[in-house]
Amino acid sequence: MILYNVTVSIDPAVESEWLDWMRATHIPDVMATGCFVESRICRVHGEEEGGVTFAIGYIAPSQDKYDEYVATHSLALQQEHGTRFEGKFAAFRTILTVLEEFKK
């Protein structure tokens, strides 16, 4: 499994609008690609001044599915986000390979 994590620091003035859009539009659009099997949005505590920080995690069942997402879908989805919230956010992405899961 691959964990694709997008960390976003958003301007507090548009935080509510951004969260609503992420929940209603962006995350469902990413999930509709069929490349991920689960997603979650988390608030990062202890963020930098001037922004509210969130981590959005998507689980791809394989490297191939993640690669399909990057090759086919990611650019358009990132551009849509960038256009809608231009100048109001900073983001970085991290790719992690899940070695093991421990669940109760």
C-alpha atoms as a PDB file:
ATOM      1  CA  MET A   1       0.000   0.000   0.000  1.00  0.00           C
ATOM      2  CA  ILE A   2       1.014   3.566  -0.675  1.00  0.00           C
ATOM      3  CA  LEU A   3       0.051   6.489   1.537  1.00  0.00           C
ATOM      4  CA  TYR A   4      -0.111   9.699  -0.478  1.00  0.00           C
ATOM      5  CA  ASN A   5      -0.127  12.592   1.977  1.00  0.00           C
ATOM      6  CA  VAL A   6      -0.860  16.196   0.998  1.00  0.00           C
ATOM      7  CA  THR A   7      -0.105  18.758   3.699  1.00  0.00           C
ATOM      8  CA  VAL A   8      -1.816  22.115   3.159  1.00  0.00           C
ATOM      9  CA  SER A   9      -1.450  25.318   5.143  1.00  0.00           C
ATOM     10  CA  ILE A  10      -4.504  27.420   4.334  1.00  0.00           C
ATOM     11  CA  ASP A  11      -5.210  31.085   5.028  1.00  0.00           C
ATOM     12  CA  PRO A  12      -7.565  31.257   8.049  1.00  0.00           C
ATOM     13  CA  ALA A  13      -9.788  33.702   6.117  1.00  0.00           C
ATOM     14  CA  VAL A  14     -10.768  30.909   3.684  1.00  0.00           C
ATOM     15  CA  GLU A  15     -10.434  27.890   5.992  1.00  0.00           C
ATOM     16  CA  SER A  16     -14.169  27.185   6.226  1.00  0.00           C
ATOM     17  CA  GLU A  17     -14.712  27.580   2.471  1.00  0.00           C
ATOM     18  CA  TRP A  18     -11.664  25.380   1.756  1.00  0.00           C
ATOM     19  CA  LEU A  19     -12.809  22.631   4.143  1.00  0.00           C
ATOM     20  CA  ASP A  20     -16.307  22.639   2.639  1.00  0.00           C
ATOM     21  CA  TRP A  21     -14.864  22.419  -0.884  1.00  0.00           C
ATOM     22  CA  MET A  22     -12.401  19.678   0.076  1.00  0.00           C
ATOM     23  CA  ARG A  23     -15.166  17.593   1.673  1.00  0.00           C
ATOM     24  CA  ALA A  24     -17.817  18.147  -1.000  1.00  0.00           C
ATOM     25  CA  THR A  25     -15.721  18.340  -4.173  1.00  0.00           C
ATOM     26  CA  HIS A  26     -11.980  17.750  -4.148  1.00  0.00           C
ATOM     27  CA  ILE A  27     -11.645  14.637  -1.999  1.00  0.00           C
ATOM     28  CA  PRO A  28     -14.652  12.963  -3.706  1.00  0.00           C
ATOM     29  CA  ASP A  29     -13.085  13.821  -7.102  1.00  0.00           C
ATOM     30  CA  VAL A  30      -9.770  12.247  -6.067  1.00  0.00           C
ATOM     31  CA  MET A  31     -11.563   9.146  -4.772  1.00  0.00           C
ATOM     32  CA  ALA A  32     -13.619   8.924  -7.996  1.00  0.00           C
ATOM     33  CA  THR A  33     -10.409   8.299  -9.950  1.00  0.00           C
ATOM     34  CA  GLY A  34     -10.493   4.727  -8.625  1.00  0.00           C
ATOM     35  CA  CYS A  35      -6.824   4.969  -7.644  1.00  0.00           C
ATOM     36  CA  PHE A  36      -7.393   5.115  -3.874  1.00  0.00           C
ATOM     37  CA  VAL A  37      -9.333   2.921  -1.481  1.00  0.00           C
ATOM     38  CA  GLU A  38      -9.570   5.291   1.467  1.00  0.00           C
ATOM     39  CA  SER A  39      -8.896   8.864   2.472  1.00  0.00           C
ATOM     40  CA  ARG A  40      -8.949  11.056   5.542  1.00  0.00           C
ATOM     41  CA  ILE A  41      -8.455  14.686   6.404  1.00  0.00           C
ATOM     42  CA  CYS A  42      -6.621  15.601   9.601  1.00  0.00           C
ATOM     43  CA  ARG A  43      -5.885  18.863  11.354  1.00  0.00           C
ATOM     44  CA  VAL A  44      -2.188  19.369  12.104  1.00  0.00           C
ATOM     45  CA  HIS A  45      -1.607  20.873  15.532  1.00  0.00           C
ATOM     46  CA  GLY A  46       1.217  23.312  16.214  1.00  0.00           C
ATOM     47  CA  GLU A  47       1.119  24.846  12.734  1.00  0.00           C
ATOM     48  CA  GLU A  48       3.129  27.820  11.568  1.00  0.00           C
ATOM     49  CA  GLU A  49       1.904  31.380  12.059  1.00  0.00           C
ATOM     50  CA  GLY A  50      -0.372  32.717   9.362  1.00  0.00           C
ATOM     51  CA  GLY A  51      -2.096  29.493   8.378  1.00  0.00           C
ATOM     52  CA  VAL A  52      -4.127  26.539   9.523  1.00  0.00           C
ATOM     53  CA  THR A  53      -2.571  23.228   8.513  1.00  0.00           C
ATOM     54  CA  PHE A  54      -4.251  20.025   7.380  1.00  0.00           C
ATOM     55  CA  ALA A  55      -2.943  16.668   6.197  1.00  0.00           C
ATOM     56  CA  ILE A  56      -5.034  14.806   3.654  1.00  0.00           C
ATOM     57  CA  GLY A  57      -4.089  11.151   3.350  1.00  0.00           C
ATOM     58  CA  TYR A  58      -5.068   8.846   0.507  1.00  0.00           C
ATOM     59  CA  ILE A  59      -4.362   5.095   0.481  1.00  0.00           C
ATOM     60  CA  ALA A  60      -3.531   3.502  -2.871  1.00  0.00           C
ATOM     61  CA  PRO A  61      -3.589  -0.306  -2.901  1.00  0.00           C
ATOM     62  CA  SER A  62      -0.385  -0.449  -4.997  1.00  0.00           C
ATOM     63  CA  GLN A  63       2.395   1.620  -6.505  1.00  0.00           C
ATOM     64  CA  ASP A  64       0.793   1.008  -9.918  1.00  0.00           C
ATOM     65  CA  LYS A  65      -2.458   2.641  -8.796  1.00  0.00           C
ATOM     66  CA  TYR A  66      -0.591   5.622  -7.361  1.00  0.00           C
ATOM     67  CA  ASP A  67       1.422   5.920 -10.588  1.00  0.00           C
ATOM     68  CA  GLU A  68      -1.842   5.832 -12.569  1.00  0.00           C
ATOM     69  CA  TYR A  69      -3.159   8.688 -10.432  1.00  0.00           C
ATOM     70  CA  VAL A  70      -0.048  10.780 -11.069  1.00  0.00           C
ATOM     71  CA  ALA A  71       0.022  10.054 -14.815  1.00  0.00           C
ATOM     72  CA  THR A  72      -3.674  10.525 -15.463  1.00  0.00           C
ATOM     73  CA  HIS A  73      -5.375  12.654 -12.817  1.00  0.00           C
ATOM     74  CA  SER A  74      -3.150  14.605 -10.436  1.00  0.00           C
ATOM     75  CA  LEU A  75      -2.240  17.575 -12.631  1.00  0.00           C
ATOM     76  CA  ALA A  76      -5.832  18.613 -13.374  1.00  0.00           C
ATOM     77  CA  LEU A  77      -6.933  18.150  -9.759  1.00  0.00           C
ATOM     78  CA  GLN A  78      -3.963  20.130  -8.420  1.00  0.00           C
ATOM     79  CA  GLN A  79      -4.579  22.905 -10.955  1.00  0.00           C
ATOM     80  CA  GLU A  80      -8.244  23.136  -9.940  1.00  0.00           C
ATOM     81  CA  HIS A  81      -7.215  23.508  -6.284  1.00  0.00           C
ATOM     82  CA  GLY A  82      -4.485  26.003  -7.180  1.00  0.00           C
ATOM     83  CA  THR A  83      -6.808  28.164  -9.259  1.00  0.00           C
ATOM     84  CA  ARG A  84      -9.593  28.177  -6.683  1.00  0.00           C
ATOM     85  CA  PHE A  85      -7.343  29.068  -3.721  1.00  0.00           C
ATOM     86  CA  GLU A  86      -4.512  30.912  -5.479  1.00  0.00           C
ATOM     87  CA  GLY A  87      -2.333  32.855  -3.047  1.00  0.00           C
ATOM     88  CA  LYS A  88      -4.202  31.435  -0.046  1.00  0.00           C
ATOM     89  CA  PHE A  89      -2.274  28.208   0.602  1.00  0.00           C
ATOM     90  CA  ALA A  90       1.040  26.395   0.629  1.00  0.00           C
ATOM     91  CA  ALA A  91       1.211  22.639   0.037  1.00  0.00           C
ATOM     92  CA  PHE A  92       3.680  19.809  -0.089  1.00  0.00           C
ATOM     93  CA  ARG A  93       3.242  16.143  -0.879  1.00  0.00           C
ATOM     94  CA  THR A  94       4.779  13.028   0.661  1.00  0.00           C
ATOM     95  CA  ILE A  95       4.662   9.455  -0.617  1.00  0.00           C
ATOM     96  CA  LEU A  96       5.055   6.679   1.948  1.00  0.00           C
ATOM     97  CA  THR A  97       5.110   2.917   1.523  1.00  0.00           C
ATOM     98  CA  VAL A  98       3.039   1.202   4.217  1.00  0.00           C
ATOM     99  CA  LEU A  99       5.164  -1.648   5.581  1.00  0.00           C
ATOM    100  CA  GLU A 100       2.700  -2.939   8.154  1.00  0.00           C
ATOM    101  CA  GLU A 101      -0.621  -2.009   9.696  1.00  0.00           C
ATOM    102  CA  PHE A 102      -1.592  -2.560  13.292  1.00  0.00           C
ATOM    103  CA  LYS A 103      -5.284  -2.355  14.126  1.00  0.00           C
ATOM    104  CA  LYS A 104      -7.205  -3.212  17.232  1.00  0.00           C
END
